[in-house]
Amino acid sequence: MADIYKTMHARLPDSLRLRWVDMGTYWAPAYYIVGASGNVLGAVSLLAGEAHVGEIGGYGNVVTATVIRPADTTAYVVDDVLSDNTVAPTLLTFSDVARANEESGWVISAVMVTDRAEEIRPQVRLMLFDTAPAAQNDNAQFAPTDADALRVVGWIDFNAYQDGAVNTIYFVNNLDVGFRCATGSRSMYGIPVMKNAYVPVANEKFDFRIEVTLD
């Protein structure tokens, strides 16, 4: 097989910048760097991986995050925060949502699943942030600082659902929530907010999955 690529390499016109380079056990495509006088300064090989020449658009990703609420059944009212602790909450983080630090894109669809099937199902608004806001206690009223409010890129309302025998499934599509990750970050962050009066189950689990398309 190497002989075939060697023959192809020998027959390429000099005008082509894409060349074949002998890597020892295989041949790889490379781009030659040509100086102002036309002399070849070096070659850059394109190996398998995430390296791209030029734009890196057309890339999609699906990321997940989970909230397991506290071991209580304290009722929520409208605009109460849903989180994992009443005194030391963990911030909901969608890690590696972007392909590289500070990259931008759009949230295009989302799913939420709760592992319970109560008579009155929860309605949740997932607030999305491009920079990590302060985490907020479960069952406390949503109260972002002014600085955190400016980090909001949008939200997703989980209202329509499919009943399951032991769970509840929500799906939202046709979204167009633009974002750009913060300096040095590939993540987005969320704070779920209850949008109806809801009596929860202890340790109820809420799984979030968001689909993005990236620049």
Protein backbone atom coordinates (compact mmCIF):
# COMPACT_ATOMS: atom_id res chain seq x y z
CA MET A 1 0.00 0.00 0.00
CA ALA A 2 2.86 2.36 0.79
CA ASP A 3 4.17 1.94 -2.77
CA ILE A 4 0.83 3.13 -4.17
CA TYR A 5 0.95 6.32 -2.11
CA LYS A 6 4.61 6.80 -3.03
CA THR A 7 3.64 6.66 -6.72
CA MET A 8 0.78 9.11 -6.14
CA HIS A 9 3.18 11.42 -4.32
CA ALA A 10 5.64 11.38 -7.23
CA ARG A 11 2.93 12.24 -9.78
CA LEU A 12 1.43 15.23 -7.96
CA PRO A 13 1.92 18.56 -9.82
CA ASP A 14 4.34 20.98 -8.18
CA SER A 15 1.58 23.59 -8.02
CA LEU A 16 -0.36 21.56 -5.44
CA ARG A 17 0.17 22.56 -1.83
CA LEU A 18 -1.29 19.29 -0.51
CA ARG A 19 1.49 16.71 -0.59
CA TRP A 20 2.06 13.19 0.73
CA VAL A 21 4.71 12.77 3.42
CA ASP A 22 6.40 9.47 4.29
CA MET A 23 5.71 8.88 8.01
CA GLY A 24 7.68 5.63 8.10
CA THR A 25 4.87 3.10 8.33
CA TYR A 26 2.30 5.11 6.36
CA TRP A 27 1.89 8.18 4.15
CA ALA A 28 0.02 11.25 5.45
CA PRO A 29 -1.27 14.42 3.73
CA ALA A 30 0.66 17.58 4.54
CA TYR A 31 0.51 21.26 3.67
CA TYR A 32 3.78 22.85 2.58
CA ILE A 33 4.72 26.26 3.93
CA VAL A 34 6.18 28.32 1.09
CA GLY A 35 8.22 31.46 1.63
CA ALA A 36 7.92 34.76 -0.26
CA SER A 37 10.66 33.72 -2.68
CA GLY A 38 8.94 30.41 -3.41
CA ASN A 39 11.31 28.27 -1.36
CA VAL A 40 9.77 25.54 0.83
CA LEU A 41 10.14 26.40 4.52
CA GLY A 42 8.61 23.23 5.92
CA ALA A 43 5.60 20.93 5.94
CA VAL A 44 2.76 20.43 8.39
CA SER A 45 1.20 16.97 8.47
CA LEU A 46 -2.52 16.53 9.10
CA LEU A 47 -2.96 13.50 11.31
CA ALA A 48 -6.14 12.00 12.73
CA GLY A 49 -7.61 14.10 15.51
CA GLU A 50 -9.39 17.39 16.17
CA ALA A 51 -6.91 19.59 14.29
CA HIS A 52 -8.48 21.45 11.36
CA VAL A 53 -7.24 23.82 8.70
CA GLY A 54 -9.36 26.98 8.69
CA GLU A 55 -12.84 27.09 10.20
CA ILE A 56 -14.06 24.51 12.71
CA GLY A 57 -17.80 25.00 12.17
CA GLY A 58 -20.47 22.40 11.56
CA TYR A 59 -19.83 20.60 14.81
CA GLY A 60 -22.53 19.38 17.20
CA ASN A 61 -22.47 18.08 20.75
CA VAL A 62 -24.80 16.65 23.39
CA VAL A 63 -24.01 17.30 27.06
CA THR A 64 -25.72 16.18 30.25
CA ALA A 65 -25.97 17.25 33.88
CA THR A 66 -27.97 15.96 36.83
CA VAL A 67 -29.58 17.36 39.97
CA ILE A 68 -30.50 14.98 42.81
CA ARG A 69 -32.59 17.03 45.20
CA PRO A 70 -32.34 16.74 49.02
CA ALA A 71 -33.90 13.96 51.09
CA ASP A 72 -37.00 15.97 51.96
CA THR A 73 -40.46 16.65 50.56
CA THR A 74 -40.57 20.41 51.10
CA ALA A 75 -43.03 21.88 48.61
CA TYR A 76 -41.82 24.31 45.96
CA VAL A 77 -43.59 27.51 45.01
CA VAL A 78 -43.17 29.42 41.76
CA ASP A 79 -39.59 30.69 41.28
CA ASP A 80 -38.01 28.43 43.89
CA VAL A 81 -34.61 27.06 42.92
CA LEU A 82 -34.16 23.33 42.33
CA SER A 83 -30.75 22.16 43.52
CA ASP A 84 -29.05 19.39 45.47
CA ASN A 85 -28.66 21.01 48.89
CA THR A 86 -30.34 23.60 51.09
CA VAL A 87 -27.11 25.06 52.50
CA ALA A 88 -24.18 24.05 50.24
CA PRO A 89 -25.53 23.51 46.72
CA THR A 90 -23.54 22.30 43.73
CA LEU A 91 -23.72 24.40 40.59
CA LEU A 92 -25.22 22.54 37.62
CA THR A 93 -22.43 22.37 35.03
CA PHE A 94 -22.58 21.32 31.38
CA SER A 95 -18.92 20.43 30.96
CA ASP A 96 -17.11 20.51 27.61
CA VAL A 97 -20.14 21.82 25.76
CA ALA A 98 -17.87 23.68 23.36
CA ARG A 99 -15.13 22.23 21.21
CA ALA A 100 -12.51 24.71 22.41
CA ASN A 101 -12.20 27.44 25.03
CA GLU A 102 -14.29 30.54 24.38
CA GLU A 103 -16.10 28.97 21.41
CA SER A 104 -19.69 29.92 20.58
CA GLY A 105 -22.78 28.10 19.37
CA TRP A 106 -26.51 27.57 19.83
CA VAL A 107 -28.62 25.30 22.01
CA ILE A 108 -31.09 23.71 19.57
CA SER A 109 -32.97 21.13 21.67
CA ALA A 110 -33.18 19.80 25.20
CA VAL A 111 -34.56 16.92 27.27
CA MET A 112 -35.37 16.74 30.98
CA VAL A 113 -36.24 13.50 32.75
CA THR A 114 -37.35 13.13 36.35
CA ASP A 115 -37.34 9.68 37.91
CA ARG A 116 -40.78 10.15 39.49
CA ALA A 117 -44.34 10.19 38.21
CA GLU A 118 -46.30 12.34 40.64
CA GLU A 119 -49.91 13.32 40.02
CA ILE A 120 -48.84 16.94 39.54
CA ARG A 121 -45.71 17.03 37.39
CA PRO A 122 -43.03 19.69 37.87
CA GLN A 123 -42.55 22.52 35.41
CA VAL A 124 -38.95 23.72 35.31
CA ARG A 125 -37.18 26.67 33.70
CA LEU A 126 -33.49 25.95 33.15
CA MET A 127 -31.59 29.25 33.32
CA LEU A 128 -28.36 29.08 31.28
CA PHE A 129 -25.19 31.07 31.98
CA ASP A 130 -21.97 31.48 30.01
CA THR A 131 -19.96 32.15 33.19
CA ALA A 132 -20.37 30.32 36.49
CA PRO A 133 -22.91 32.15 38.69
CA ALA A 134 -23.20 31.69 42.44
CA ALA A 135 -24.95 28.40 43.23
CA GLN A 136 -28.29 28.84 45.01
CA ASN A 137 -29.91 26.78 47.77
CA ASP A 138 -32.69 24.33 47.06
CA ASN A 139 -36.15 25.69 47.77
CA ALA A 140 -34.88 29.28 48.05
CA GLN A 141 -36.32 31.97 45.80
CA PHE A 142 -34.25 32.53 42.67
CA ALA A 143 -32.16 35.60 43.47
CA PRO A 144 -29.20 36.14 41.11
CA THR A 145 -26.89 39.07 41.65
CA ASP A 146 -26.86 41.80 39.01
CA ALA A 147 -23.50 40.46 37.80
CA ASP A 148 -24.87 36.92 37.47
CA ALA A 149 -28.00 38.16 35.69
CA LEU A 150 -25.76 39.65 33.00
CA ARG A 151 -24.24 36.20 32.44
CA VAL A 152 -27.59 34.70 31.41
CA VAL A 153 -27.63 33.60 27.76
CA GLY A 154 -31.24 32.37 27.82
CA TRP A 155 -33.46 29.69 29.29
CA ILE A 156 -35.37 26.54 28.42
CA ASP A 157 -38.91 25.91 29.69
CA PHE A 158 -39.79 22.28 30.36
CA ASN A 159 -43.59 22.36 30.34
CA ALA A 160 -44.87 19.72 27.92
CA TYR A 161 -44.19 16.17 29.03
CA GLN A 162 -44.85 12.53 28.35
CA ASP A 163 -46.13 10.50 31.31
CA GLY A 164 -44.11 7.46 32.18
CA ALA A 165 -45.14 4.76 34.61
CA VAL A 166 -42.19 5.60 36.87
CA ASN A 167 -40.82 8.80 35.33
CA THR A 168 -41.66 11.96 33.39
CA ILE A 169 -40.02 12.93 30.09
CA TYR A 170 -39.85 16.46 28.72
CA PHE A 171 -38.64 17.50 25.26
CA VAL A 172 -38.12 20.96 23.79
CA ASN A 173 -36.93 21.59 20.23
CA ASN A 174 -36.62 24.48 17.77
CA LEU A 175 -34.51 26.36 20.28
CA ASP A 176 -32.11 29.13 19.28
CA VAL A 177 -30.21 30.02 22.44
CA GLY A 178 -26.87 31.54 21.43
CA PHE A 179 -23.88 31.36 23.74
CA ARG A 180 -20.13 31.90 23.93
CA CYS A 181 -18.14 30.20 26.66
CA ALA A 182 -16.11 32.36 29.02
CA THR A 183 -12.37 32.94 28.73
CA GLY A 184 -10.49 29.70 29.37
CA SER A 185 -13.71 27.66 29.54
CA ARG A 186 -15.63 25.15 27.45
CA SER A 187 -18.60 24.91 29.85
CA MET A 188 -22.06 26.37 30.37
CA TYR A 189 -23.90 26.50 33.67
CA GLY A 190 -27.50 26.09 34.74
CA ILE A 191 -29.84 26.96 37.58
CA PRO A 192 -33.19 25.14 37.40
CA VAL A 193 -36.13 27.20 38.67
CA MET A 194 -39.54 25.73 39.49
CA LYS A 195 -42.40 27.36 37.57
CA ASN A 196 -45.34 25.75 39.36
CA ALA A 197 -46.30 24.68 42.86
CA TYR A 198 -44.83 21.21 43.21
CA VAL A 199 -44.60 18.69 46.06
CA PRO A 200 -41.42 16.68 45.36
CA VAL A 201 -40.19 13.25 46.40
CA ALA A 202 -37.10 12.86 48.58
CA ASN A 203 -33.92 12.41 46.51
CA GLU A 204 -35.83 12.98 43.26
CA LYS A 205 -33.47 13.02 40.29
CA PHE A 206 -33.65 15.49 37.40
CA ASP A 207 -31.50 14.67 34.36
CA PHE A 208 -30.87 17.40 31.78
CA ARG A 209 -29.54 16.83 28.26
CA ILE A 210 -28.93 19.69 25.85
CA GLU A 211 -27.97 19.47 22.18
CA VAL A 212 -25.81 22.21 20.70
CA THR A 213 -24.46 23.18 17.33
CA LEU A 214 -21.16 25.08 17.33
CA ASP A 215 -19.47 27.69 15.17
